[in-house]
């Protein structure tokens, strides 16, 4: 590391989904991005404009990557070991949801996008069934 890099290097590092541990979590973030992916794919199939279609692919892949990030944040920062005991299928659910987001990222199929949405819905059901969600969630189900 040279002198300039040493001077400009951060003195402290913090890691959180918003770079400040705020305690706010909600599967709605992943759901919004996933719904966007589905709608983008539908518009892609309805268009014959190759420039639009190329942009749609690029944007949908960005949104699907955000889904993966939002799921990972919920899994690693919100859920605790007691939740795994309370909801025995939690590991598998997050594995399937994250894999579905990866598959949706690589696919322009409506079905792949819908599977991702459905699994995020299952994650949301578990999230809102926890006591911890009452103080952390933003958009509770009605």
Protein backbone atom coordinates (compact mmCIF):
# COMPACT_ATOMS: atom_id res chain seq x y z
CA UNK A 1 0.00 0.00 0.00
CA UNK A 2 1.48 3.35 -0.99
CA UNK A 3 1.33 6.55 1.08
CA UNK A 4 -1.75 7.94 -0.69
CA UNK A 5 -3.65 4.68 -0.20
CA UNK A 6 -2.71 4.67 3.50
CA UNK A 7 -3.94 8.23 3.93
CA UNK A 8 -7.22 7.57 2.07
CA UNK A 9 -7.90 4.15 3.58
CA UNK A 10 -10.94 4.01 5.87
CA UNK A 11 -10.09 3.93 9.55
CA UNK A 12 -13.18 1.95 10.54
CA UNK A 13 -15.29 -0.57 8.68
CA UNK A 14 -18.94 -1.38 9.29
CA UNK A 15 -20.99 -4.07 7.57
CA UNK A 16 -24.78 -4.12 7.36
CA UNK A 17 -27.38 -4.12 4.60
CA UNK A 18 -27.62 -0.35 4.82
CA UNK A 19 -24.11 0.31 6.20
CA UNK A 20 -25.68 1.20 9.53
CA UNK A 21 -27.29 -1.47 11.67
CA UNK A 22 -30.81 -0.08 11.66
CA UNK A 23 -32.76 -3.23 12.51
CA UNK A 24 -35.22 -2.73 9.63
CA UNK A 25 -35.91 -5.84 7.57
CA UNK A 26 -38.78 -6.82 5.31
CA UNK A 27 -39.22 -9.46 2.60
CA UNK A 28 -41.17 -6.79 0.68
CA UNK A 29 -37.85 -5.55 -0.70
CA UNK A 30 -37.22 -8.90 -2.37
CA UNK A 31 -40.88 -9.19 -3.43
CA UNK A 32 -40.87 -5.80 -5.17
CA UNK A 33 -37.73 -6.66 -7.14
CA UNK A 34 -39.12 -10.10 -8.03
CA UNK A 35 -42.40 -8.63 -9.24
CA UNK A 36 -40.40 -6.21 -11.36
CA UNK A 37 -38.57 -9.18 -12.92
CA UNK A 38 -41.87 -10.84 -13.83
CA UNK A 39 -43.27 -7.69 -15.42
CA UNK A 40 -40.05 -7.03 -17.32
CA UNK A 41 -40.12 -10.56 -18.76
CA UNK A 42 -43.73 -10.12 -19.87
CA UNK A 43 -42.87 -6.81 -21.58
CA UNK A 44 -39.85 -8.46 -23.18
CA UNK A 45 -42.06 -11.13 -24.76
CA UNK A 46 -44.56 -8.50 -25.94
CA UNK A 47 -41.90 -6.46 -27.75
CA UNK A 48 -40.13 -6.95 -31.06
CA UNK A 49 -37.75 -4.03 -30.45
CA UNK A 50 -34.31 -5.62 -30.06
CA UNK A 51 -32.85 -2.62 -28.22
CA UNK A 52 -35.73 -2.70 -25.72
CA UNK A 53 -35.35 -6.46 -25.32
CA UNK A 54 -31.62 -6.15 -24.62
CA UNK A 55 -32.28 -3.46 -22.01
CA UNK A 56 -35.01 -5.62 -20.47
CA UNK A 57 -32.61 -8.54 -20.04
CA UNK A 58 -29.99 -6.32 -18.43
CA UNK A 59 -32.42 -4.65 -16.02
CA UNK A 60 -34.13 -7.93 -15.12
CA UNK A 61 -30.76 -9.48 -14.28
CA UNK A 62 -29.96 -6.52 -11.99
CA UNK A 63 -33.33 -6.85 -10.23
CA UNK A 64 -32.89 -10.62 -9.76
CA UNK A 65 -29.45 -10.02 -8.26
CA UNK A 66 -31.06 -7.59 -5.81
CA UNK A 67 -33.58 -10.31 -4.90
CA UNK A 68 -30.68 -12.60 -4.03
CA UNK A 69 -29.08 -9.86 -1.92
CA UNK A 70 -32.32 -9.09 -0.05
CA UNK A 71 -32.89 -12.78 0.66
CA UNK A 72 -29.32 -13.21 1.84
CA UNK A 73 -29.67 -10.22 4.20
CA UNK A 74 -32.83 -11.69 5.71
CA UNK A 75 -31.20 -15.09 6.05
CA UNK A 76 -27.90 -13.95 7.52
CA UNK A 77 -28.92 -10.86 9.52
CA UNK A 78 -32.56 -11.22 10.54
CA UNK A 79 -33.12 -14.92 11.20
CA UNK A 80 -31.52 -16.48 14.27
CA UNK A 81 -30.82 -20.07 15.37
CA UNK A 82 -34.05 -20.10 17.38
CA UNK A 83 -35.96 -19.47 14.13
CA UNK A 84 -34.37 -22.55 12.56
CA UNK A 85 -35.64 -24.57 15.53
CA UNK A 86 -39.07 -22.98 15.29
CA UNK A 87 -39.27 -23.39 11.49
CA UNK A 88 -37.35 -26.60 10.65
CA UNK A 89 -37.55 -26.10 6.88
CA UNK A 90 -36.01 -22.61 6.99
CA UNK A 91 -32.58 -23.59 5.64
CA UNK A 92 -34.15 -25.41 2.72
CA UNK A 93 -36.62 -22.59 2.03
CA UNK A 94 -33.85 -20.01 1.75
CA UNK A 95 -31.74 -22.35 -0.35
CA UNK A 96 -34.64 -22.89 -2.75
CA UNK A 97 -35.59 -19.19 -2.84
CA UNK A 98 -32.03 -18.06 -3.52
CA UNK A 99 -31.58 -20.75 -6.19
CA UNK A 100 -34.88 -19.67 -7.77
CA UNK A 101 -33.65 -16.07 -7.87
CA UNK A 102 -30.49 -17.26 -9.60
CA UNK A 103 -32.55 -19.26 -12.09
CA UNK A 104 -34.82 -16.26 -12.70
CA UNK A 105 -31.76 -14.10 -13.31
CA UNK A 106 -30.63 -16.46 -16.08
CA UNK A 107 -34.06 -16.98 -17.63
CA UNK A 108 -36.59 -15.00 -19.61
CA UNK A 109 -39.33 -17.45 -18.70
CA UNK A 110 -42.44 -16.24 -16.92
CA UNK A 111 -42.51 -19.51 -14.97
CA UNK A 112 -39.02 -18.96 -13.52
CA UNK A 113 -40.00 -15.47 -12.37
CA UNK A 114 -43.23 -16.76 -10.81
CA UNK A 115 -41.41 -19.52 -8.93
CA UNK A 116 -39.11 -16.88 -7.43
CA UNK A 117 -42.13 -14.79 -6.40
CA UNK A 118 -43.88 -17.80 -4.85
CA UNK A 119 -40.84 -18.73 -2.76
CA UNK A 120 -40.42 -15.15 -1.56
CA UNK A 121 -44.05 -15.38 -0.47
CA UNK A 122 -43.17 -18.44 1.61
CA UNK A 123 -40.21 -16.58 3.13
CA UNK A 124 -42.54 -13.68 3.96
CA UNK A 125 -44.97 -16.03 5.71
CA UNK A 126 -42.20 -17.32 7.97
CA UNK A 127 -40.80 -13.82 8.50
CA UNK A 128 -44.15 -12.43 9.66
CA UNK A 129 -44.73 -15.48 11.89
CA UNK A 130 -41.75 -14.47 14.05
CA UNK A 131 -42.08 -12.16 17.04
CA UNK A 132 -38.96 -10.33 15.88
CA UNK A 133 -40.69 -9.18 12.67
CA UNK A 134 -43.14 -7.06 14.61
CA UNK A 135 -40.33 -4.63 15.45
CA UNK A 136 -38.31 -4.99 12.26
CA UNK A 137 -40.81 -5.24 9.42
CA UNK A 138 -42.20 -2.30 7.51
CA UNK A 139 -45.12 -3.68 5.46
CA UNK A 140 -47.01 -6.24 7.55
CA UNK A 141 -49.64 -8.30 5.79
CA UNK A 142 -53.16 -6.98 6.16
